[in-house]
Protein backbone atom coordinates (compact mmCIF):
# COMPACT_ATOMS: atom_id res chain seq x y z
CA UNK A 1 10.35 -14.46 1.42
CA UNK A 2 11.15 -14.06 4.88
CA UNK A 3 11.65 -11.17 6.95
CA UNK A 4 15.24 -11.72 6.57
CA UNK A 5 15.34 -11.74 2.69
CA UNK A 6 13.01 -8.97 2.60
CA UNK A 7 14.98 -6.61 4.44
CA UNK A 8 18.29 -7.78 2.82
CA UNK A 9 16.41 -5.55 -0.41
CA UNK A 10 17.09 -2.37 1.72
CA UNK A 11 20.65 -2.94 1.51
CA UNK A 12 20.47 -3.17 -1.98
CA UNK A 13 19.11 0.01 -2.48
CA UNK A 14 21.88 1.60 -0.56
CA UNK A 15 20.89 2.06 2.92
CA UNK A 16 23.73 3.68 4.44
CA UNK A 17 22.00 6.57 6.45
CA UNK A 18 19.10 6.15 9.26
CA UNK A 19 15.91 6.58 8.55
CA UNK A 20 13.47 9.10 10.68
CA UNK A 21 15.03 11.67 9.76
CA UNK A 22 17.61 12.26 6.61
CA UNK A 23 21.22 12.60 5.99
CA UNK A 24 21.23 16.11 6.82
CA UNK A 25 19.02 15.65 10.14
CA UNK A 26 15.51 16.92 8.38
CA UNK A 27 12.91 15.46 10.23
CA UNK A 28 9.72 13.25 8.73
CA UNK A 29 6.82 15.30 9.04
CA UNK A 30 3.54 13.30 9.91
CA UNK A 31 0.09 14.36 8.46
CA UNK A 32 -3.58 13.41 10.43
CA UNK A 33 -5.22 10.33 8.98
CA UNK A 34 -7.55 11.66 6.97
CA UNK A 35 -4.77 13.42 4.73
CA UNK A 36 -2.59 10.62 5.03
CA UNK A 37 -5.27 8.35 3.47
CA UNK A 38 -5.46 10.76 0.53
CA UNK A 39 -2.10 10.80 -0.32
CA UNK A 40 -2.04 6.81 -0.65
CA UNK A 41 -5.48 6.80 -2.35
CA UNK A 42 -4.85 9.53 -4.85
CA UNK A 43 -2.81 7.54 -7.18
CA UNK A 44 -5.55 4.48 -8.34
CA UNK A 45 -7.96 7.52 -8.09
CA UNK A 46 -6.05 9.72 -10.75
CA UNK A 47 -6.61 6.33 -13.02
CA UNK A 48 -9.99 5.98 -12.60
CA UNK A 49 -9.51 2.42 -10.46
CA UNK A 50 -11.28 3.47 -7.43
CA UNK A 51 -12.76 6.35 -5.33
CA UNK A 52 -14.95 9.25 -6.05
CA UNK A 53 -14.81 11.28 -9.72
CA UNK A 54 -13.60 14.17 -7.70
CA UNK A 55 -10.19 14.00 -8.49
CA UNK A 56 -8.68 17.28 -8.62
CA UNK A 57 -10.61 17.61 -4.81
CA UNK A 58 -8.85 14.86 -3.26
CA UNK A 59 -5.41 15.81 -4.83
CA UNK A 60 -5.84 19.60 -3.81
CA UNK A 61 -7.04 18.54 -0.06
CA UNK A 62 -4.11 16.38 0.24
CA UNK A 63 -1.78 19.06 -0.25
CA UNK A 64 -2.67 22.30 0.87
CA UNK A 65 -6.28 22.13 1.97
CA UNK A 66 -6.94 19.85 4.97
CA UNK A 67 -10.73 20.36 5.24
CA UNK A 68 -11.58 17.23 7.84
CA UNK A 69 -14.70 16.75 6.93
CA UNK A 70 -14.23 17.04 2.98
CA UNK A 71 -11.65 14.82 3.32
CA UNK A 72 -13.47 11.95 5.45
CA UNK A 73 -16.62 12.00 2.82
CA UNK A 74 -14.16 11.31 0.18
CA UNK A 75 -12.59 8.46 2.12
CA UNK A 76 -16.17 7.02 2.62
CA UNK A 77 -16.51 6.44 -1.14
CA UNK A 78 -13.54 4.03 -1.31
CA UNK A 79 -15.59 0.81 -1.31
CA UNK A 80 -12.08 -1.58 -1.93
CA UNK A 81 -10.20 0.14 1.18
CA UNK A 82 -12.91 2.22 3.56
CA UNK A 83 -14.50 -1.00 5.07
CA UNK A 84 -10.92 -2.37 5.83
CA UNK A 85 -10.24 0.56 7.79
CA UNK A 86 -13.44 -0.05 9.83
CA UNK A 87 -12.67 -3.20 10.60
CA UNK A 88 -9.15 -2.37 11.81
CA UNK A 89 -10.72 0.42 13.94
CA UNK A 90 -13.60 -1.63 15.59
CA UNK A 91 -11.18 -5.00 15.99
CA UNK A 92 -9.05 -2.70 18.22
CA UNK A 93 -11.85 -0.68 19.65
CA UNK A 94 -11.05 2.68 17.68
CA UNK A 95 -13.69 4.50 17.11
CA UNK A 96 -12.68 6.45 14.17
CA UNK A 97 -11.14 4.58 10.90
CA UNK A 98 -9.08 7.49 9.95
CA UNK A 99 -7.48 7.55 12.98
CA UNK A 100 -3.92 7.88 11.65
CA UNK A 101 -3.02 4.15 13.51
CA UNK A 102 -5.24 2.71 11.35
CA UNK A 103 -4.66 4.61 8.01
CA UNK A 104 -1.03 2.88 8.58
CA UNK A 105 -1.61 -0.20 9.65
CA UNK A 106 -4.02 -0.45 6.08
CA UNK A 107 -1.56 1.14 4.28
CA UNK A 108 1.92 0.05 5.28
CA UNK A 109 0.99 -2.50 8.05
CA UNK A 110 1.46 -2.37 11.96
CA UNK A 111 0.47 -3.89 15.23
CA UNK A 112 -3.10 -3.07 14.81
CA UNK A 113 -3.11 -5.91 12.17
CA UNK A 114 -2.19 -8.49 14.66
CA UNK A 115 -5.82 -7.47 16.71
CA UNK A 116 -7.75 -8.67 13.75
CA UNK A 117 -7.97 -12.73 13.63
CA UNK A 118 -9.72 -14.62 11.38
CA UNK A 119 -13.09 -14.26 13.56
CA UNK A 120 -13.38 -10.59 12.64
CA UNK A 121 -11.48 -10.66 9.02
CA UNK A 122 -13.69 -14.29 7.58
CA UNK A 123 -17.26 -12.74 7.90
CA UNK A 124 -15.92 -9.66 6.52
CA UNK A 125 -14.81 -11.07 3.13
CA UNK A 126 -17.73 -13.24 3.20
CA UNK A 127 -20.62 -10.30 3.09
CA UNK A 128 -18.34 -8.42 0.72
CA UNK A 129 -16.88 -10.73 -1.78
CA UNK A 130 -18.73 -14.34 -2.04
CA UNK A 131 -21.31 -12.68 -3.94
CA UNK A 132 -18.72 -11.55 -6.29
CA UNK A 133 -17.07 -15.03 -6.60
CA UNK A 134 -17.60 -18.41 -7.77
CA UNK A 135 -16.12 -22.10 -7.00
CA UNK A 136 -13.07 -22.31 -6.10
CA UNK A 137 -11.94 -18.75 -6.21
CA UNK A 138 -14.30 -17.93 -3.00
CA UNK A 139 -12.97 -20.96 -1.22
CA UNK A 140 -9.67 -20.03 -2.01
CA UNK A 141 -10.31 -16.63 -0.32
CA UNK A 142 -12.06 -18.18 2.82
CA UNK A 143 -8.97 -19.90 3.48
CA UNK A 144 -7.05 -16.96 3.56
CA UNK A 145 -8.20 -15.90 7.37
CA UNK A 146 -7.07 -18.72 8.95
CA UNK A 147 -3.79 -18.42 7.21
CA UNK A 148 -3.06 -15.83 8.82
CA UNK A 149 -4.39 -13.13 6.29
CA UNK A 150 -4.69 -9.74 7.61
CA UNK A 151 -6.53 -6.57 5.96
CA UNK A 152 -3.60 -4.79 5.35
CA UNK A 153 -3.47 -3.46 1.61
CA UNK A 154 -1.22 -5.93 0.52
CA UNK A 155 -3.61 -8.53 1.12
CA UNK A 156 -6.38 -7.07 -0.79
CA UNK A 157 -4.04 -6.83 -3.93
CA UNK A 158 -1.95 -10.10 -3.97
CA UNK A 159 -5.05 -12.26 -2.86
CA UNK A 160 -8.49 -10.50 -3.33
CA UNK A 161 -7.87 -8.97 -6.32
CA UNK A 162 -6.90 -11.80 -8.24
CA UNK A 163 -9.93 -13.89 -7.31
CA UNK A 164 -12.03 -10.95 -8.70
CA UNK A 165 -10.76 -11.77 -11.85
CA UNK A 166 -7.42 -10.42 -12.65
CA UNK A 167 -5.86 -13.73 -13.07
CA UNK A 168 -8.23 -15.87 -15.19
CA UNK A 169 -7.80 -13.26 -17.77
CA UNK A 170 -4.85 -15.32 -18.69
CA UNK A 171 -2.23 -12.07 -19.45
CA UNK A 172 -0.17 -13.01 -16.35
CA UNK A 173 2.95 -10.50 -17.86
CA UNK A 174 -0.09 -7.96 -17.39
CA UNK A 175 -1.27 -9.22 -13.90
CA UNK A 176 2.14 -8.99 -12.47
CA UNK A 177 1.98 -5.36 -14.27
CA UNK A 178 -1.14 -4.08 -12.35
CA UNK A 179 -0.35 -5.91 -8.95
CA UNK A 180 3.02 -4.34 -9.18
CA UNK A 181 1.82 -0.97 -9.48
CA UNK A 182 -1.47 -1.84 -6.93
CA UNK A 183 0.97 -2.58 -4.08
CA UNK A 184 2.74 -0.20 -1.71
CA UNK A 185 6.17 -0.10 -2.99
CA UNK A 186 8.93 1.42 -1.05
CA UNK A 187 12.01 3.54 -3.48
CA UNK A 188 15.34 5.18 -2.49
CA UNK A 189 15.14 8.34 -4.02
CA UNK A 190 18.78 8.40 -6.47
CA UNK A 191 17.83 11.75 -8.19
CA UNK A 192 14.93 14.46 -8.48
CA UNK A 193 14.18 15.91 -12.17
CA UNK A 194 11.50 18.26 -12.14
CA UNK A 195 8.32 17.11 -10.64
CA UNK A 196 9.52 13.73 -11.08
CA UNK A 197 11.54 11.03 -8.85
CA UNK A 198 14.11 8.20 -10.21
CA UNK A 199 14.03 5.68 -7.21
CA UNK A 200 15.15 2.24 -7.13
CA UNK A 201 12.56 0.11 -6.33
CA UNK A 202 11.88 -3.66 -5.19
CA UNK A 203 9.36 -5.08 -7.98
CA UNK A 204 6.98 -8.28 -8.24
CA UNK A 205 7.85 -11.33 -10.41
CA UNK A 206 6.72 -15.25 -10.59
CA UNK A 207 8.98 -17.38 -10.65
CA UNK A 208 8.95 -21.29 -10.69
CA UNK A 209 4.56 -20.43 -10.55
CA UNK A 210 5.37 -18.22 -7.72
CA UNK A 211 5.22 -14.67 -5.91
CA UNK A 212 8.74 -12.97 -5.23
CA UNK A 213 10.50 -9.91 -5.21
CA UNK A 214 13.04 -9.55 -7.31
CA UNK A 215 16.26 -7.60 -7.92
CA UNK A 216 16.28 -3.59 -7.47
CA UNK A 217 15.97 -1.61 -10.54
CA UNK A 218 15.34 2.23 -11.33
CA UNK A 219 11.82 3.53 -11.97
CA UNK A 220 10.39 7.09 -12.69
CA UNK A 221 7.59 7.92 -10.74
CA UNK A 222 5.78 11.49 -10.04
CA UNK A 223 6.53 13.14 -7.19
CA UNK A 224 4.48 16.46 -7.88
CA UNK A 225 2.23 18.56 -10.31
CA UNK A 226 3.63 22.01 -10.86
CA UNK A 227 5.68 21.93 -7.50
CA UNK A 228 2.49 20.27 -5.38
CA UNK A 229 2.97 17.27 -4.15
CA UNK A 230 3.10 15.13 -0.94
CA UNK A 231 6.45 14.57 -0.11
CA UNK A 232 8.75 17.57 0.85
CA UNK A 233 12.20 18.17 1.04
CA UNK A 234 12.84 15.05 -0.84
CA UNK A 235 16.75 14.32 -1.52
CA UNK A 236 18.59 11.61 -2.65
CA UNK A 237 19.11 8.56 -0.25
CA UNK A 238 15.63 9.27 0.70
CA UNK A 239 13.23 6.06 0.64
CA UNK A 240 9.54 6.80 0.28
CA UNK A 241 6.35 4.97 -0.39
CA UNK A 242 4.74 4.53 -3.80
CA UNK A 243 1.26 3.93 -5.27
CA UNK A 244 0.82 3.14 -8.93
CA UNK A 245 3.15 6.06 -9.85
CA UNK A 246 3.22 8.63 -7.12
CA UNK A 247 5.71 8.89 -4.00
CA UNK A 248 3.04 9.06 -1.19
CA UNK A 249 5.59 9.88 1.83
CA UNK A 250 8.96 9.50 3.22
CA UNK A 251 9.56 6.38 5.14
CA UNK A 252 11.45 6.45 8.37
CA UNK A 253 13.49 2.95 9.26
CA UNK A 254 10.53 1.47 11.29
CA UNK A 255 7.94 2.61 8.85
CA UNK A 256 9.83 0.83 5.77
CA UNK A 257 10.69 -2.20 7.90
CA UNK A 258 6.97 -2.51 8.67
CA UNK A 259 6.17 -2.25 5.10
CA UNK A 260 8.66 -4.77 3.96
CA UNK A 261 7.12 -7.79 6.98
CA UNK A 262 3.90 -7.11 6.29
CA UNK A 263 4.34 -7.69 1.78
CA UNK A 264 6.57 -10.23 2.55
CA UNK A 265 4.28 -11.90 4.47
CA UNK A 266 1.09 -11.22 2.25
CA UNK A 267 3.36 -12.52 -0.56
CA UNK A 268 3.75 -16.24 1.35
CA UNK A 269 0.17 -16.38 2.17
CA UNK A 270 -0.67 -15.43 -1.43
CA UNK A 271 1.58 -18.07 -2.56
CA UNK A 272 -0.76 -21.12 -1.47
CA UNK A 273 -2.92 -20.70 -3.56
CA UNK A 274 -1.53 -19.83 -6.54
């Protein structure tokens, strides 16, 4: 899907108020990189899919703790995500993989990814995944850096995840559901009901044997546990990022656009070897 087509989904979500602040002029408060990483990582961690066993500690640190050393120790246990952060940081001459710019590049996408070329991503993928893949699965994945793939989370979900076995099960419907939940999505808030939000999201679908973004649909996601969560002061019309069934943060127009563009780019690259 082209950038223009991806951005058209924003209009379908009812994009009438400027982002970066809400219609009431409320600013979006940014948090340090380690906390931001934890907020995105919590969704799959609570389901037991990745990361450490200290699920409650991760949640507490992401909401009210904020102990830098503890957050960094937890982040290093995400064996899927952390090497990508190290690669992005190293390719940009940034010492700290938990730098906020690096964390944003991995989860949402930003300009740092332009500096991670095939010469950096290719060897990293080979070290990490070639021992776990055979035959065509590795050959397909090995073509991705030259095709333009970068270490954004959408790449891992759409290209690495399937090659590691998801698509080989033959359960395409379940595979799509899992990939759609795992990718970082965006949703326009329609209403709040207690600790839950109803949002308008753009789901992933398979059409004609290719992945694409479908028409928006309402979805119920979790924003808080007993009032404690990662998104503050959410109102109808705000846009939030979503990982699995959790709202991670409010997005301004710039970050929403970046997430849409990098997602569309990685869908296009994934479709070349489906």
